Amino acid sequence: MPTFTKEEIVHLGDLARIALSDEEITRLQGELNVIADSIDMVQEVATDDVEPTANPIPLEAYLRPDVPETPLTQAEALAGGPKTEAGMFVAPRILGSEE
């Protein structure tokens, strides 16, 4: 059970270049000890027989079956376009001319 001493808290404050009052040292000592106790409790639960996971719920890709189908003919595909020419969709020119 790790217990942070006042001297360790003062040392941590010095390393962080933070001036701590006696009141702050006492408060931080209690808070850090609670955090350390919580870490100990988690480490007790995490055992070697439990596989590490990134997500507790198994992720699966829900994809439809890959079944080959007959593709659209060129005429069927072009039938949905507003304007076609020579077997292609026709769209207004947006590059290359400044009118």
PDB file of N, CA and C in Angstrom:
ATOM      1  N   MET A   1       0.848  -1.175   0.000  1.00  0.00           N
ATOM      2  CA  MET A   1       0.000   0.000   0.000  1.00  0.00           C
ATOM      3  C   MET A   1       0.894   1.238   0.000  1.00  0.00           C
ATOM      4  N   PRO A   2       0.990   1.916  -1.133  1.00  0.00           N
ATOM      5  CA  PRO A   2       1.878   3.074  -1.192  1.00  0.00           C
ATOM      6  C   PRO A   2       1.304   4.251  -0.406  1.00  0.00           C
ATOM      7  N   THR A   3       2.152   4.871   0.335  1.00  0.00           N
ATOM      8  CA  THR A   3       1.752   6.048   1.084  1.00  0.00           C
ATOM      9  C   THR A   3       2.734   7.158   0.752  1.00  0.00           C
ATOM     10  N   PHE A   4       2.205   8.251   0.264  1.00  0.00           N
ATOM     11  CA  PHE A   4       3.043   9.394  -0.044  1.00  0.00           C
ATOM     12  C   PHE A   4       3.314  10.153   1.243  1.00  0.00           C
ATOM     13  N   THR A   5       4.585  10.401   1.508  1.00  0.00           N
ATOM     14  CA  THR A   5       4.949  11.171   2.695  1.00  0.00           C
ATOM     15  C   THR A   5       4.939  12.657   2.353  1.00  0.00           C
ATOM     16  N   LYS A   6       4.925  13.477   3.383  1.00  0.00           N
ATOM     17  CA  LYS A   6       4.961  14.924   3.160  1.00  0.00           C
ATOM     18  C   LYS A   6       6.243  15.319   2.431  1.00  0.00           C
ATOM     19  N   GLU A   7       7.347  14.637   2.761  1.00  0.00           N
ATOM     20  CA  GLU A   7       8.616  14.950   2.112  1.00  0.00           C
ATOM     21  C   GLU A   7       8.547  14.655   0.612  1.00  0.00           C
ATOM     22  N   GLU A   8       7.866  13.570   0.237  1.00  0.00           N
ATOM     23  CA  GLU A   8       7.713  13.248  -1.188  1.00  0.00           C
ATOM     24  C   GLU A   8       6.854  14.280  -1.903  1.00  0.00           C
ATOM     25  N   ILE A   9       5.814  14.764  -1.227  1.00  0.00           N
ATOM     26  CA  ILE A   9       4.947  15.786  -1.815  1.00  0.00           C
ATOM     27  C   ILE A   9       5.733  17.081  -2.011  1.00  0.00           C
ATOM     28  N   VAL A  10       6.536  17.455  -1.031  1.00  0.00           N
ATOM     29  CA  VAL A  10       7.365  18.656  -1.152  1.00  0.00           C
ATOM     30  C   VAL A  10       8.350  18.486  -2.308  1.00  0.00           C
ATOM     31  N   HIS A  11       8.941  17.294  -2.426  1.00  0.00           N
ATOM     32  CA  HIS A  11       9.891  17.022  -3.512  1.00  0.00           C
ATOM     33  C   HIS A  11       9.199  17.126  -4.873  1.00  0.00           C
ATOM     34  N   LEU A  12       7.997  16.568  -4.989  1.00  0.00           N
ATOM     35  CA  LEU A  12       7.243  16.668  -6.245  1.00  0.00           C
ATOM     36  C   LEU A  12       6.929  18.133  -6.568  1.00  0.00           C
ATOM     37  N   GLY A  13       6.573  18.894  -5.551  1.00  0.00           N
ATOM     38  CA  GLY A  13       6.318  20.321  -5.749  1.00  0.00           C
ATOM     39  C   GLY A  13       7.565  21.041  -6.235  1.00  0.00           C
ATOM     40  N   ASP A  14       8.721  20.694  -5.648  1.00  0.00           N
ATOM     41  CA  ASP A  14       9.982  21.300  -6.087  1.00  0.00           C
ATOM     42  C   ASP A  14      10.293  20.936  -7.537  1.00  0.00           C
ATOM     43  N   LEU A  15      10.084  19.679  -7.893  1.00  0.00           N
ATOM     44  CA  LEU A  15      10.344  19.248  -9.271  1.00  0.00           C
ATOM     45  C   LEU A  15       9.447  19.994 -10.260  1.00  0.00           C
ATOM     46  N   ALA A  16       8.204  20.249  -9.845  1.00  0.00           N
ATOM     47  CA  ALA A  16       7.249  20.953 -10.709  1.00  0.00           C
ATOM     48  C   ALA A  16       7.387  22.468 -10.587  1.00  0.00           C
ATOM     49  N   ARG A  17       8.312  22.920  -9.743  1.00  0.00           N
ATOM     50  CA  ARG A  17       8.508  24.353  -9.514  1.00  0.00           C
ATOM     51  C   ARG A  17       7.229  25.017  -8.998  1.00  0.00           C
ATOM     52  N   ILE A  18       6.572  24.309  -8.058  1.00  0.00           N
ATOM     53  CA  ILE A  18       5.349  24.814  -7.450  1.00  0.00           C
ATOM     54  C   ILE A  18       5.592  24.979  -5.950  1.00  0.00           C
ATOM     55  N   ALA A  19       5.342  26.177  -5.448  1.00  0.00           N
ATOM     56  CA  ALA A  19       5.457  26.422  -4.008  1.00  0.00           C
ATOM     57  C   ALA A  19       4.157  25.954  -3.358  1.00  0.00           C
ATOM     58  N   LEU A  20       4.278  25.030  -2.414  1.00  0.00           N
ATOM     59  CA  LEU A  20       3.106  24.467  -1.763  1.00  0.00           C
ATOM     60  C   LEU A  20       3.069  24.893  -0.300  1.00  0.00           C
ATOM     61  N   SER A  21       1.893  25.293   0.165  1.00  0.00           N
ATOM     62  CA  SER A  21       1.723  25.613   1.583  1.00  0.00           C
ATOM     63  C   SER A  21       1.532  24.296   2.349  1.00  0.00           C
ATOM     64  N   ASP A  22       1.627  24.368   3.672  1.00  0.00           N
ATOM     65  CA  ASP A  22       1.421  23.168   4.493  1.00  0.00           C
ATOM     66  C   ASP A  22       0.028  22.596   4.280  1.00  0.00           C
ATOM     67  N   GLU A  23      -0.948  23.483   4.108  1.00  0.00           N
ATOM     68  CA  GLU A  23      -2.328  23.058   3.866  1.00  0.00           C
ATOM     69  C   GLU A  23      -2.434  22.285   2.540  1.00  0.00           C
ATOM     70  N   GLU A  24      -1.789  22.803   1.503  1.00  0.00           N
ATOM     71  CA  GLU A  24      -1.812  22.150   0.189  1.00  0.00           C
ATOM     72  C   GLU A  24      -1.082  20.813   0.221  1.00  0.00           C
ATOM     73  N   ILE A  25       0.018  20.752   0.947  1.00  0.00           N
ATOM     74  CA  ILE A  25       0.778  19.500   1.059  1.00  0.00           C
ATOM     75  C   ILE A  25      -0.086  18.428   1.705  1.00  0.00           C
ATOM     76  N   THR A  26      -0.791  18.784   2.772  1.00  0.00           N
ATOM     77  CA  THR A  26      -1.652  17.828   3.467  1.00  0.00           C
ATOM     78  C   THR A  26      -2.788  17.362   2.550  1.00  0.00           C
ATOM     79  N   ARG A  27      -3.412  18.313   1.829  1.00  0.00           N
ATOM     80  CA  ARG A  27      -4.506  17.958   0.920  1.00  0.00           C
ATOM     81  C   ARG A  27      -4.003  17.055  -0.203  1.00  0.00           C
ATOM     82  N   LEU A  28      -2.870  17.421  -0.824  1.00  0.00           N
ATOM     83  CA  LEU A  28      -2.318  16.616  -1.911  1.00  0.00           C
ATOM     84  C   LEU A  28      -1.891  15.229  -1.436  1.00  0.00           C
ATOM     85  N   GLN A  29      -1.374  15.149  -0.231  1.00  0.00           N
ATOM     86  CA  GLN A  29      -0.969  13.858   0.308  1.00  0.00           C
ATOM     87  C   GLN A  29      -2.174  12.922   0.381  1.00  0.00           C
ATOM     88  N   GLY A  30      -3.287  13.433   0.891  1.00  0.00           N
ATOM     89  CA  GLY A  30      -4.497  12.613   0.973  1.00  0.00           C
ATOM     90  C   GLY A  30      -5.010  12.224  -0.402  1.00  0.00           C
ATOM     91  N   GLU A  31      -5.044  13.195  -1.335  1.00  0.00           N
ATOM     92  CA  GLU A  31      -5.553  12.921  -2.671  1.00  0.00           C
ATOM     93  C   GLU A  31      -4.670  11.910  -3.415  1.00  0.00           C
ATOM     94  N   LEU A  32      -3.358  12.079  -3.338  1.00  0.00           N
ATOM     95  CA  LEU A  32      -2.450  11.150  -4.025  1.00  0.00           C
ATOM     96  C   LEU A  32      -2.524   9.742  -3.422  1.00  0.00           C
ATOM     97  N   ASN A  33      -2.726   9.662  -2.116  1.00  0.00           N
ATOM     98  CA  ASN A  33      -2.853   8.344  -1.489  1.00  0.00           C
ATOM     99  C   ASN A  33      -4.142   7.650  -1.929  1.00  0.00           C
ATOM    100  N   VAL A  34      -5.226   8.406  -2.106  1.00  0.00           N
ATOM    101  CA  VAL A  34      -6.481   7.831  -2.604  1.00  0.00           C
ATOM    102  C   VAL A  34      -6.279   7.316  -4.030  1.00  0.00           C
ATOM    103  N   ILE A  35      -5.588   8.105  -4.854  1.00  0.00           N
ATOM    104  CA  ILE A  35      -5.321   7.687  -6.238  1.00  0.00           C
ATOM    105  C   ILE A  35      -4.462   6.425  -6.255  1.00  0.00           C
ATOM    106  N   ALA A  36      -3.421   6.387  -5.430  1.00  0.00           N
ATOM    107  CA  ALA A  36      -2.546   5.214  -5.375  1.00  0.00           C
ATOM    108  C   ALA A  36      -3.309   3.983  -4.902  1.00  0.00           C
ATOM    109  N   ASP A  37      -4.202   4.145  -3.932  1.00  0.00           N
ATOM    110  CA  ASP A  37      -5.021   3.020  -3.456  1.00  0.00           C
ATOM    111  C   ASP A  37      -5.944   2.516  -4.569  1.00  0.00           C
ATOM    112  N   SER A  38      -6.493   3.440  -5.341  1.00  0.00           N
ATOM    113  CA  SER A  38      -7.370   3.049  -6.456  1.00  0.00           C
ATOM    114  C   SER A  38      -6.589   2.260  -7.499  1.00  0.00           C
ATOM    115  N   ILE A  39      -5.377   2.680  -7.782  1.00  0.00           N
ATOM    116  CA  ILE A  39      -4.531   1.961  -8.741  1.00  0.00           C
ATOM    117  C   ILE A  39      -4.237   0.560  -8.226  1.00  0.00           C
ATOM    118  N   ASP A  40      -3.968   0.441  -6.939  1.00  0.00           N
ATOM    119  CA  ASP A  40      -3.724  -0.887  -6.348  1.00  0.00           C
ATOM    120  C   ASP A  40      -4.934  -1.797  -6.511  1.00  0.00           C
ATOM    121  N   MET A  41      -6.141  -1.243  -6.304  1.00  0.00           N
ATOM    122  CA  MET A  41      -7.354  -2.048  -6.439  1.00  0.00           C
ATOM    123  C   MET A  41      -7.529  -2.538  -7.871  1.00  0.00           C
ATOM    124  N   VAL A  42      -7.246  -1.680  -8.845  1.00  0.00           N
ATOM    125  CA  VAL A  42      -7.359  -2.073 -10.254  1.00  0.00           C
ATOM    126  C   VAL A  42      -6.332  -3.157 -10.579  1.00  0.00           C
ATOM    127  N   GLN A  43      -5.136  -3.026 -10.053  1.00  0.00           N
ATOM    128  CA  GLN A  43      -4.095  -4.018 -10.325  1.00  0.00           C
ATOM    129  C   GLN A  43      -4.428  -5.369  -9.701  1.00  0.00           C
ATOM    130  N   GLU A  44      -5.172  -5.375  -8.608  1.00  0.00           N
ATOM    131  CA  GLU A  44      -5.584  -6.644  -8.011  1.00  0.00           C
ATOM    132  C   GLU A  44      -6.568  -7.371  -8.916  1.00  0.00           C
ATOM    133  N   VAL A  45      -7.435  -6.629  -9.591  1.00  0.00           N
ATOM    134  CA  VAL A  45      -8.449  -7.227 -10.460  1.00  0.00           C
ATOM    135  C   VAL A  45      -7.825  -7.728 -11.749  1.00  0.00           C
ATOM    136  N   ALA A  46      -6.929  -6.949 -12.337  1.00  0.00           N
ATOM    137  CA  ALA A  46      -6.310  -7.326 -13.614  1.00  0.00           C
ATOM    138  C   ALA A  46      -5.339  -8.476 -13.373  1.00  0.00           C
ATOM    139  N   THR A  47      -5.724  -9.667 -13.798  1.00  0.00           N
ATOM    140  CA  THR A  47      -4.888 -10.844 -13.595  1.00  0.00           C
ATOM    141  C   THR A  47      -4.344 -11.329 -14.928  1.00  0.00           C
ATOM    142  N   ASP A  48      -3.425 -12.274 -14.848  1.00  0.00           N
ATOM    143  CA  ASP A  48      -2.766 -12.796 -16.051  1.00  0.00           C
ATOM    144  C   ASP A  48      -3.706 -13.604 -16.932  1.00  0.00           C
ATOM    145  N   ASP A  49      -4.796 -14.148 -16.371  1.00  0.00           N
ATOM    146  CA  ASP A  49      -5.688 -14.978 -17.183  1.00  0.00           C
ATOM    147  C   ASP A  49      -6.745 -14.157 -17.930  1.00  0.00           C
ATOM    148  N   VAL A  50      -6.693 -12.826 -17.811  1.00  0.00           N
ATOM    149  CA  VAL A  50      -7.621 -11.964 -18.537  1.00  0.00           C
ATOM    150  C   VAL A  50      -6.871 -11.348 -19.712  1.00  0.00           C
ATOM    151  N   GLU A  51      -7.409 -11.564 -20.921  1.00  0.00           N
ATOM    152  CA  GLU A  51      -6.756 -11.012 -22.103  1.00  0.00           C
ATOM    153  C   GLU A  51      -6.958  -9.503 -22.170  1.00  0.00           C
ATOM    154  N   PRO A  52      -5.903  -8.747 -22.505  1.00  0.00           N
ATOM    155  CA  PRO A  52      -6.078  -7.312 -22.662  1.00  0.00           C
ATOM    156  C   PRO A  52      -6.919  -7.007 -23.895  1.00  0.00           C
ATOM    157  N   THR A  53      -7.796  -6.037 -23.777  1.00  0.00           N
ATOM    158  CA  THR A  53      -8.644  -5.665 -24.907  1.00  0.00           C
ATOM    159  C   THR A  53      -8.666  -4.151 -25.068  1.00  0.00           C
ATOM    160  N   ALA A  54      -8.866  -3.713 -26.290  1.00  0.00           N
ATOM    161  CA  ALA A  54      -9.005  -2.289 -26.539  1.00  0.00           C
ATOM    162  C   ALA A  54     -10.464  -1.880 -26.408  1.00  0.00           C
ATOM    163  N   ASN A  55     -11.364  -2.840 -26.611  1.00  0.00           N
ATOM    164  CA  ASN A  55     -12.791  -2.560 -26.532  1.00  0.00           C
ATOM    165  C   ASN A  55     -13.454  -3.747 -25.834  1.00  0.00           C
ATOM    166  N   PRO A  56     -14.231  -3.516 -24.800  1.00  0.00           N
ATOM    167  CA  PRO A  56     -14.834  -4.639 -24.073  1.00  0.00           C
ATOM    168  C   PRO A  56     -15.912  -5.373 -24.864  1.00  0.00           C
ATOM    169  N   ILE A  57     -16.442  -4.729 -25.892  1.00  0.00           N
ATOM    170  CA  ILE A  57     -17.488  -5.349 -26.707  1.00  0.00           C
ATOM    171  C   ILE A  57     -16.856  -5.765 -28.032  1.00  0.00           C
ATOM    172  N   PRO A  58     -16.976  -7.030 -28.425  1.00  0.00           N
ATOM    173  CA  PRO A  58     -16.384  -7.439 -29.695  1.00  0.00           C
ATOM    174  C   PRO A  58     -16.986  -6.657 -30.860  1.00  0.00           C
ATOM    175  N   LEU A  59     -16.116  -6.139 -31.693  1.00  0.00           N
ATOM    176  CA  LEU A  59     -16.573  -5.381 -32.847  1.00  0.00           C
ATOM    177  C   LEU A  59     -16.616  -6.300 -34.057  1.00  0.00           C
ATOM    178  N   GLU A  60     -17.725  -6.279 -34.760  1.00  0.00           N
ATOM    179  CA  GLU A  60     -17.878  -7.096 -35.950  1.00  0.00           C
ATOM    180  C   GLU A  60     -18.338  -6.208 -37.091  1.00  0.00           C
ATOM    181  N   ALA A  61     -17.855  -6.508 -38.267  1.00  0.00           N
ATOM    182  CA  ALA A  61     -18.307  -5.780 -39.443  1.00  0.00           C
ATOM    183  C   ALA A  61     -19.545  -6.491 -39.981  1.00  0.00           C
ATOM    184  N   TYR A  62     -20.631  -5.770 -40.031  1.00  0.00           N
ATOM    185  CA  TYR A  62     -21.861  -6.353 -40.550  1.00  0.00           C
ATOM    186  C   TYR A  62     -21.974  -5.999 -42.030  1.00  0.00           C
ATOM    187  N   LEU A  63     -21.548  -6.899 -42.872  1.00  0.00           N
ATOM    188  CA  LEU A  63     -21.572  -6.688 -44.306  1.00  0.00           C
ATOM    189  C   LEU A  63     -22.529  -7.671 -44.950  1.00  0.00           C
ATOM    190  N   ARG A  64     -23.116  -7.248 -46.028  1.00  0.00           N
ATOM    191  CA  ARG A  64     -23.991  -8.155 -46.761  1.00  0.00           C
ATOM    192  C   ARG A  64     -23.123  -9.212 -47.432  1.00  0.00           C
ATOM    193  N   PRO A  65     -23.676 -10.346 -47.739  1.00  0.00           N
ATOM    194  CA  PRO A  65     -22.892 -11.367 -48.439  1.00  0.00           C
ATOM    195  C   PRO A  65     -22.466 -10.854 -49.816  1.00  0.00           C
ATOM    196  N   ASP A  66     -21.272 -11.208 -50.208  1.00  0.00           N
ATOM    197  CA  ASP A  66     -20.748 -10.784 -51.506  1.00  0.00           C
ATOM    198  C   ASP A  66     -21.247 -11.752 -52.572  1.00  0.00           C
ATOM    199  N   VAL A  67     -22.401 -11.406 -53.130  1.00  0.00           N
ATOM    200  CA  VAL A  67     -23.028 -12.254 -54.139  1.00  0.00           C
ATOM    201  C   VAL A  67     -22.938 -11.537 -55.474  1.00  0.00           C
ATOM    202  N   PRO A  68     -22.369 -12.166 -56.492  1.00  0.00           N
ATOM    203  CA  PRO A  68     -22.276 -11.493 -57.786  1.00  0.00           C
ATOM    204  C   PRO A  68     -23.656 -11.278 -58.399  1.00  0.00           C
ATOM    205  N   GLU A  69     -23.849 -10.104 -58.958  1.00  0.00           N
ATOM    206  CA  GLU A  69     -25.100  -9.769 -59.617  1.00  0.00           C
ATOM    207  C   GLU A  69     -24.801  -9.259 -61.018  1.00  0.00           C
ATOM    208  N   THR A  70     -25.803  -9.273 -61.839  1.00  0.00           N
ATOM    209  CA  THR A  70     -25.646  -8.774 -63.202  1.00  0.00           C
ATOM    210  C   THR A  70     -25.550  -7.255 -63.157  1.00  0.00           C
ATOM    211  N   PRO A  71     -24.479  -6.668 -63.708  1.00  0.00           N
ATOM    212  CA  PRO A  71     -24.338  -5.214 -63.663  1.00  0.00           C
ATOM    213  C   PRO A  71     -25.290  -4.528 -64.648  1.00  0.00           C
ATOM    214  N   LEU A  72     -25.450  -3.225 -64.460  1.00  0.00           N
ATOM    215  CA  LEU A  72     -26.255  -2.441 -65.392  1.00  0.00           C
ATOM    216  C   LEU A  72     -25.556  -2.378 -66.752  1.00  0.00           C
ATOM    217  N   THR A  73     -26.345  -2.323 -67.774  1.00  0.00           N
ATOM    218  CA  THR A  73     -25.765  -2.076 -69.094  1.00  0.00           C
ATOM    219  C   THR A  73     -25.437  -0.588 -69.170  1.00  0.00           C
ATOM    220  N   GLN A  74     -24.651  -0.212 -70.172  1.00  0.00           N
ATOM    221  CA  GLN A  74     -24.304   1.199 -70.329  1.00  0.00           C
ATOM    222  C   GLN A  74     -25.560   2.040 -70.548  1.00  0.00           C
ATOM    223  N   ALA A  75     -26.481   1.552 -71.327  1.00  0.00           N
ATOM    224  CA  ALA A  75     -27.722   2.290 -71.592  1.00  0.00           C
ATOM    225  C   ALA A  75     -28.540   2.462 -70.316  1.00  0.00           C
ATOM    226  N   GLU A  76     -28.600   1.409 -69.477  1.00  0.00           N
ATOM    227  CA  GLU A  76     -29.354   1.509 -68.216  1.00  0.00           C
ATOM    228  C   GLU A  76     -28.702   2.522 -67.272  1.00  0.00           C
ATOM    229  N   ALA A  77     -27.379   2.523 -67.229  1.00  0.00           N
ATOM    230  CA  ALA A  77     -26.681   3.462 -66.357  1.00  0.00           C
ATOM    231  C   ALA A  77     -26.873   4.892 -66.835  1.00  0.00           C
ATOM    232  N   LEU A  78     -26.800   5.110 -68.136  1.00  0.00           N
ATOM    233  CA  LEU A  78     -26.951   6.462 -68.683  1.00  0.00           C
ATOM    234  C   LEU A  78     -28.388   6.958 -68.643  1.00  0.00           C
ATOM    235  N   ALA A  79     -29.349   6.062 -68.487  1.00  0.00           N
ATOM    236  CA  ALA A  79     -30.755   6.445 -68.485  1.00  0.00           C
ATOM    237  C   ALA A  79     -31.096   7.390 -67.339  1.00  0.00           C
ATOM    238  N   GLY A  80     -30.354   7.359 -66.266  1.00  0.00           N
ATOM    239  CA  GLY A  80     -30.632   8.222 -65.116  1.00  0.00           C
ATOM    240  C   GLY A  80     -30.014   9.594 -65.232  1.00  0.00           C
ATOM    241  N   GLY A  81     -29.160   9.825 -66.219  1.00  0.00           N
ATOM    242  CA  GLY A  81     -28.493  11.115 -66.354  1.00  0.00           C
ATOM    243  C   GLY A  81     -29.334  12.123 -67.105  1.00  0.00           C
ATOM    244  N   PRO A  82     -29.172  13.420 -66.806  1.00  0.00           N
ATOM    245  CA  PRO A  82     -29.969  14.438 -67.483  1.00  0.00           C
ATOM    246  C   PRO A  82     -29.560  14.634 -68.944  1.00  0.00           C
ATOM    247  N   LYS A  83     -28.260  14.451 -69.251  1.00  0.00           N
ATOM    248  CA  LYS A  83     -27.805  14.660 -70.618  1.00  0.00           C
ATOM    249  C   LYS A  83     -26.665  13.690 -70.904  1.00  0.00           C
ATOM    250  N   THR A  84     -26.715  13.024 -72.036  1.00  0.00           N
ATOM    251  CA  THR A  84     -25.664  12.085 -72.424  1.00  0.00           C
ATOM    252  C   THR A  84     -25.261  12.362 -73.858  1.00  0.00           C
ATOM    253  N   GLU A  85     -24.028  11.935 -74.167  1.00  0.00           N
ATOM    254  CA  GLU A  85     -23.519  12.089 -75.528  1.00  0.00           C
ATOM    255  C   GLU A  85     -22.417  11.069 -75.748  1.00  0.00           C
ATOM    256  N   ALA A  86     -22.497  10.340 -76.831  1.00  0.00           N
ATOM    257  CA  ALA A  86     -21.497   9.343 -77.212  1.00  0.00           C
ATOM    258  C   ALA A  86     -21.237   8.339 -76.091  1.00  0.00           C
ATOM    259  N   GLY A  87     -22.292   7.926 -75.397  1.00  0.00           N
ATOM    260  CA  GLY A  87     -22.155   6.910 -74.363  1.00  0.00           C
ATOM    261  C   GLY A  87     -21.577   7.422 -73.053  1.00  0.00           C
ATOM    262  N   MET A  88     -21.603   8.749 -72.824  1.00  0.00           N
ATOM    263  CA  MET A  88     -21.063   9.330 -71.591  1.00  0.00           C
ATOM    264  C   MET A  88     -22.029  10.383 -71.049  1.00  0.00           C
ATOM    265  N   PHE A  89     -21.900  10.674 -69.740  1.00  0.00           N
ATOM    266  CA  PHE A  89     -22.669  11.759 -69.151  1.00  0.00           C
ATOM    267  C   PHE A  89     -22.074  13.078 -69.632  1.00  0.00           C
ATOM    268  N   VAL A  90     -22.891  14.079 -69.830  1.00  0.00           N
ATOM    269  CA  VAL A  90     -22.429  15.409 -70.207  1.00  0.00           C
ATOM    270  C   VAL A  90     -22.696  16.334 -69.023  1.00  0.00           C
ATOM    271  N   ALA A  91     -21.638  17.038 -68.614  1.00  0.00           N
ATOM    272  CA  ALA A  91     -21.762  17.971 -67.491  1.00  0.00           C
ATOM    273  C   ALA A  91     -21.232  19.321 -67.940  1.00  0.00           C
ATOM    274  N   PRO A  92     -21.672  20.390 -67.317  1.00  0.00           N
ATOM    275  CA  PRO A  92     -21.179  21.710 -67.704  1.00  0.00           C
ATOM    276  C   PRO A  92     -19.682  21.850 -67.375  1.00  0.00           C
ATOM    277  N   ARG A  93     -18.952  22.528 -68.226  1.00  0.00           N
ATOM    278  CA  ARG A  93     -17.519  22.734 -68.013  1.00  0.00           C
ATOM    279  C   ARG A  93     -17.350  23.739 -66.870  1.00  0.00           C
ATOM    280  N   ILE A  94     -16.478  23.384 -65.934  1.00  0.00           N
ATOM    281  CA  ILE A  94     -16.249  24.300 -64.818  1.00  0.00           C
ATOM    282  C   ILE A  94     -14.795  24.770 -64.763  1.00  0.00           C
ATOM    283  N   LEU A  95     -13.918  24.090 -65.491  1.00  0.00           N
ATOM    284  CA  LEU A  95     -12.510  24.482 -65.515  1.00  0.00           C
ATOM    285  C   LEU A  95     -12.099  24.784 -66.955  1.00  0.00           C
ATOM    286  N   GLY A  96     -11.132  25.656 -67.120  1.00  0.00           N
ATOM    287  CA  GLY A  96     -10.547  25.863 -68.428  1.00  0.00           C
ATOM    288  C   GLY A  96     -11.163  26.983 -69.232  1.00  0.00           C
ATOM    289  N   SER A  97     -12.291  27.537 -68.826  1.00  0.00           N
ATOM    290  CA  SER A  97     -12.838  28.651 -69.590  1.00  0.00           C
ATOM    291  C   SER A  97     -13.454  29.669 -68.639  1.00  0.00           C
ATOM    292  N   GLU A  98     -13.054  30.900 -68.842  1.00  0.00           N
ATOM    293  CA  GLU A  98     -13.597  31.985 -68.041  1.00  0.00           C
ATOM    294  C   GLU A  98     -14.527  32.787 -68.936  1.00  0.00           C
ATOM    295  N   GLU A  99     -15.810  32.588 -68.843  1.00  0.00           N
ATOM    296  CA  GLU A  99     -16.750  33.285 -69.731  1.00  0.00           C
ATOM    297  C   GLU A  99     -17.343  34.487 -69.083  1.00  0.00           C
TER     298      GLU A  99
END
